[in-house]
N, C-alpha and C. Protein backbone atom coordinates (compact mmCIF):
# COMPACT_ATOMS: atom_id res chain seq x y z
N MET A 1 26.31 -23.36 11.45
CA MET A 1 25.37 -24.30 11.12
C MET A 1 25.40 -24.83 9.69
N ALA A 2 26.17 -26.06 9.53
CA ALA A 2 26.20 -26.56 8.16
C ALA A 2 25.06 -27.43 8.04
N ARG A 3 24.72 -27.43 6.48
CA ARG A 3 23.58 -27.99 6.01
C ARG A 3 23.84 -28.89 4.76
N ALA A 4 23.34 -30.04 4.57
CA ALA A 4 23.57 -30.86 3.35
C ALA A 4 22.97 -30.11 2.35
N PRO A 5 23.58 -30.01 1.21
CA PRO A 5 22.96 -29.22 -0.13
C PRO A 5 21.48 -29.68 -0.31
N ASP A 6 20.90 -30.70 -0.09
CA ASP A 6 19.57 -31.05 -0.28
C ASP A 6 18.63 -30.93 1.02
N ALA A 7 19.19 -30.55 2.08
CA ALA A 7 18.40 -30.42 3.46
C ALA A 7 17.32 -29.38 3.30
N ARG A 8 16.28 -29.65 4.01
CA ARG A 8 15.23 -28.47 4.06
C ARG A 8 15.09 -27.75 5.28
N LEU A 9 14.91 -26.52 5.10
CA LEU A 9 14.88 -25.80 6.47
C LEU A 9 13.46 -26.17 7.04
N THR A 10 13.47 -26.39 8.35
CA THR A 10 12.30 -27.05 9.04
C THR A 10 11.93 -25.90 10.16
N ARG A 11 12.65 -24.76 10.19
CA ARG A 11 12.40 -23.67 11.17
C ARG A 11 12.90 -22.55 10.50
N PRO A 12 12.30 -21.35 10.61
CA PRO A 12 12.93 -20.07 10.13
C PRO A 12 14.31 -19.57 10.64
N LEU A 13 14.94 -18.88 9.80
CA LEU A 13 16.26 -18.24 10.33
C LEU A 13 16.25 -16.86 10.35
N VAL A 14 17.02 -16.28 11.31
CA VAL A 14 16.89 -14.80 11.54
C VAL A 14 18.40 -14.40 11.43
N ARG A 15 18.84 -12.97 11.08
CA ARG A 15 20.00 -12.84 11.03
C ARG A 15 20.22 -11.72 12.19
N ASP A 16 21.34 -12.24 12.95
CA ASP A 16 21.55 -11.54 14.21
C ASP A 16 23.14 -11.23 13.83
N GLY A 17 23.55 -9.90 13.79
CA GLY A 17 24.73 -9.26 13.45
C GLY A 17 25.24 -10.02 12.07
N GLY A 18 25.89 -10.86 11.92
CA GLY A 18 26.42 -11.47 10.58
C GLY A 18 26.12 -12.86 10.44
N SER A 19 25.45 -13.35 11.56
CA SER A 19 25.22 -14.94 11.46
C SER A 19 23.54 -15.22 11.57
N LEU A 20 23.24 -16.23 10.81
CA LEU A 20 21.96 -16.83 10.92
C LEU A 20 21.73 -17.60 12.25
N ARG A 21 20.38 -17.65 12.94
CA ARG A 21 20.21 -18.40 13.77
C ARG A 21 18.77 -18.85 13.62
N GLN A 22 18.48 -20.26 14.35
CA GLN A 22 17.08 -20.44 14.14
C GLN A 22 16.28 -19.73 15.18
N ALA A 23 14.98 -19.56 14.75
CA ALA A 23 14.04 -18.47 15.47
C ALA A 23 12.73 -19.33 15.36
N THR A 24 11.67 -18.82 16.33
CA THR A 24 10.46 -19.22 16.14
C THR A 24 9.66 -18.65 15.15
N TRP A 25 8.42 -19.20 14.73
CA TRP A 25 7.85 -18.51 13.32
C TRP A 25 7.20 -17.37 13.85
N ASP A 26 6.98 -17.05 15.13
CA ASP A 26 6.31 -15.75 15.60
C ASP A 26 7.26 -14.64 15.46
N GLU A 27 8.63 -15.15 16.00
CA GLU A 27 9.58 -13.93 16.22
C GLU A 27 10.10 -13.59 14.50
N ALA A 28 10.31 -14.74 13.58
CA ALA A 28 10.43 -14.33 12.26
C ALA A 28 9.46 -13.79 11.54
N LEU A 29 8.19 -13.89 11.73
CA LEU A 29 7.06 -13.10 11.11
C LEU A 29 6.95 -11.57 11.63
N ASP A 30 7.36 -11.53 12.96
CA ASP A 30 7.22 -10.11 13.46
C ASP A 30 8.50 -9.14 12.92
N ARG A 31 9.78 -9.87 12.81
CA ARG A 31 10.42 -9.02 12.05
C ARG A 31 10.37 -8.80 10.96
N ALA A 32 9.74 -9.68 9.69
CA ALA A 32 9.30 -9.47 8.55
C ALA A 32 8.34 -8.33 8.59
N ALA A 33 7.33 -8.14 9.23
CA ALA A 33 6.62 -7.31 9.32
C ALA A 33 6.94 -5.97 9.92
N ALA A 34 7.98 -5.71 10.77
CA ALA A 34 8.53 -4.79 11.20
C ALA A 34 9.16 -4.14 10.07
N LEU A 35 10.08 -4.89 9.31
CA LEU A 35 10.85 -4.28 8.26
C LEU A 35 10.07 -3.90 7.16
N VAL A 36 8.78 -4.55 6.90
CA VAL A 36 7.77 -3.87 5.87
C VAL A 36 7.38 -2.70 6.10
N ARG A 37 7.04 -2.55 7.49
CA ARG A 37 6.48 -1.21 8.08
C ARG A 37 7.41 -0.22 7.96
N ALA A 38 8.61 -0.48 8.36
CA ALA A 38 9.68 0.39 8.37
C ALA A 38 9.98 0.96 6.95
N THR A 39 10.13 0.09 5.90
CA THR A 39 10.06 0.36 4.72
C THR A 39 9.28 1.21 4.07
N ARG A 40 7.95 0.95 4.42
CA ARG A 40 6.70 1.87 4.18
C ARG A 40 6.74 3.15 4.71
N THR A 41 7.26 3.23 5.86
CA THR A 41 7.28 4.57 6.68
C THR A 41 8.21 5.47 6.08
N THR A 42 9.42 4.88 5.85
CA THR A 42 10.73 5.76 5.52
C THR A 42 10.40 6.09 4.03
N HIS A 43 10.18 5.11 3.04
CA HIS A 43 10.12 5.32 1.65
C HIS A 43 8.79 5.38 0.83
N GLY A 44 7.74 5.21 1.63
CA GLY A 44 6.45 5.10 1.15
C GLY A 44 5.76 3.76 0.65
N PRO A 45 4.56 3.62 0.46
CA PRO A 45 4.17 2.37 -0.07
C PRO A 45 4.72 1.71 -1.34
N GLY A 46 5.10 2.79 -2.33
CA GLY A 46 5.46 2.48 -3.66
C GLY A 46 6.96 1.79 -3.52
N ALA A 47 7.42 1.75 -2.45
CA ALA A 47 8.67 1.21 -2.20
C ALA A 47 8.70 -0.34 -1.96
N ILE A 48 7.36 -0.81 -2.14
CA ILE A 48 7.10 -2.06 -1.60
C ILE A 48 6.45 -2.77 -3.08
N GLY A 49 6.89 -4.03 -3.50
CA GLY A 49 6.17 -4.58 -4.42
C GLY A 49 6.11 -6.10 -4.13
N MET A 50 5.37 -6.87 -5.08
CA MET A 50 5.05 -8.28 -5.01
C MET A 50 5.17 -8.85 -6.36
N PHE A 51 5.52 -10.12 -6.35
CA PHE A 51 5.53 -10.71 -7.66
C PHE A 51 4.50 -12.01 -7.37
N ALA A 52 3.56 -12.16 -8.18
CA ALA A 52 2.56 -13.32 -8.04
C ALA A 52 2.84 -14.28 -9.22
N CYS A 53 2.43 -15.47 -8.85
CA CYS A 53 2.73 -16.80 -9.84
C CYS A 53 1.34 -17.15 -10.63
N SER A 54 1.68 -17.35 -11.94
CA SER A 54 0.30 -18.08 -12.68
C SER A 54 0.11 -19.13 -12.38
N LYS A 55 0.69 -19.94 -11.72
CA LYS A 55 0.32 -21.35 -11.15
C LYS A 55 -0.33 -21.34 -9.84
N ALA A 56 -0.72 -20.23 -9.31
CA ALA A 56 -1.30 -20.09 -8.06
C ALA A 56 -2.79 -20.04 -8.44
N THR A 57 -3.66 -20.31 -7.40
CA THR A 57 -5.07 -20.24 -7.87
C THR A 57 -5.45 -18.55 -8.05
N ASN A 58 -6.55 -18.55 -8.53
CA ASN A 58 -7.12 -17.16 -8.79
C ASN A 58 -7.53 -16.53 -7.47
N GLU A 59 -7.80 -17.27 -6.41
CA GLU A 59 -8.06 -16.68 -4.97
C GLU A 59 -6.71 -16.27 -4.49
N THR A 60 -5.44 -17.03 -4.62
CA THR A 60 -4.49 -16.65 -4.33
C THR A 60 -3.94 -15.39 -4.60
N ASN A 61 -4.02 -15.13 -6.02
CA ASN A 61 -3.56 -14.16 -6.78
C ASN A 61 -4.52 -13.02 -6.46
N TYR A 62 -5.93 -13.30 -6.30
CA TYR A 62 -6.79 -12.21 -5.80
C TYR A 62 -6.29 -11.49 -4.39
N PHE A 63 -5.88 -12.50 -3.51
CA PHE A 63 -5.52 -12.11 -2.07
C PHE A 63 -4.28 -11.18 -2.20
N ALA A 64 -3.38 -11.67 -3.08
CA ALA A 64 -2.13 -11.06 -3.21
C ALA A 64 -2.37 -9.64 -3.75
N GLN A 65 -3.12 -9.33 -4.62
CA GLN A 65 -3.59 -8.04 -5.23
C GLN A 65 -4.24 -7.13 -4.09
N LYS A 66 -5.19 -7.89 -3.43
CA LYS A 66 -6.01 -7.22 -2.31
C LYS A 66 -4.88 -6.68 -1.26
N PHE A 67 -4.02 -7.61 -0.85
CA PHE A 67 -3.11 -7.32 0.25
C PHE A 67 -2.38 -6.09 -0.26
N MET A 68 -1.72 -6.26 -1.45
CA MET A 68 -0.91 -4.99 -1.83
C MET A 68 -1.58 -3.69 -1.89
N ARG A 69 -2.68 -3.65 -2.34
CA ARG A 69 -3.52 -2.38 -2.46
C ARG A 69 -4.28 -1.91 -1.20
N VAL A 70 -4.58 -2.89 -0.26
CA VAL A 70 -5.40 -2.38 1.08
C VAL A 70 -4.49 -2.34 2.00
N ALA A 71 -3.59 -3.52 2.43
CA ALA A 71 -2.71 -3.38 3.60
C ALA A 71 -1.62 -2.59 3.39
N ILE A 72 -0.95 -2.66 2.07
CA ILE A 72 0.27 -1.88 1.93
C ILE A 72 -0.05 -0.66 1.39
N GLY A 73 -0.90 -0.46 0.52
CA GLY A 73 -1.26 0.99 -0.27
C GLY A 73 -0.68 1.03 -1.61
N SER A 74 -0.08 0.00 -2.25
CA SER A 74 0.64 0.08 -3.47
C SER A 74 0.07 -0.74 -4.38
N ASN A 75 0.31 -0.21 -5.71
CA ASN A 75 -0.25 -0.95 -6.99
C ASN A 75 0.82 -1.78 -7.45
N HIS A 76 1.86 -1.97 -6.71
CA HIS A 76 3.24 -2.59 -7.53
C HIS A 76 3.25 -4.03 -7.32
N LEU A 77 2.22 -4.58 -8.31
CA LEU A 77 2.09 -6.16 -8.07
C LEU A 77 2.20 -6.48 -9.47
N ASP A 78 3.11 -7.46 -9.78
CA ASP A 78 3.29 -8.00 -11.29
C ASP A 78 3.26 -9.52 -11.15
N SER A 79 3.08 -10.23 -12.28
CA SER A 79 2.91 -11.68 -12.24
C SER A 79 3.38 -12.31 -13.54
N CYS A 80 3.94 -13.42 -13.59
CA CYS A 80 4.28 -14.13 -14.61
C CYS A 80 3.35 -14.63 -15.62
N ASN A 81 2.03 -14.17 -15.17
CA ASN A 81 0.87 -14.46 -16.13
C ASN A 81 1.02 -13.92 -17.55
N ARG A 82 1.85 -12.78 -17.63
CA ARG A 82 1.84 -12.00 -18.89
C ARG A 82 2.93 -12.05 -19.65
N THR A 83 3.92 -13.38 -19.22
CA THR A 83 4.90 -13.66 -20.02
C THR A 83 4.77 -14.75 -21.18
């Protein structure tokens, strides 16, 4: 699936074997959730981290830290706010 360098993706892509194919949002999000769950189960919640952005709203950054602490169980959240 060749794309022009400035073309934007309009649908998510998932990897099957060694190649990418278009998928529905539900399939892509289900796969991502399954991989996060598997990583947490195999390596513990500390194996998952998130990077937040200082240009996001306070509400978005609050949600990011709440998600990491409550849903994932990890305090591994960093931000470019401190740079």
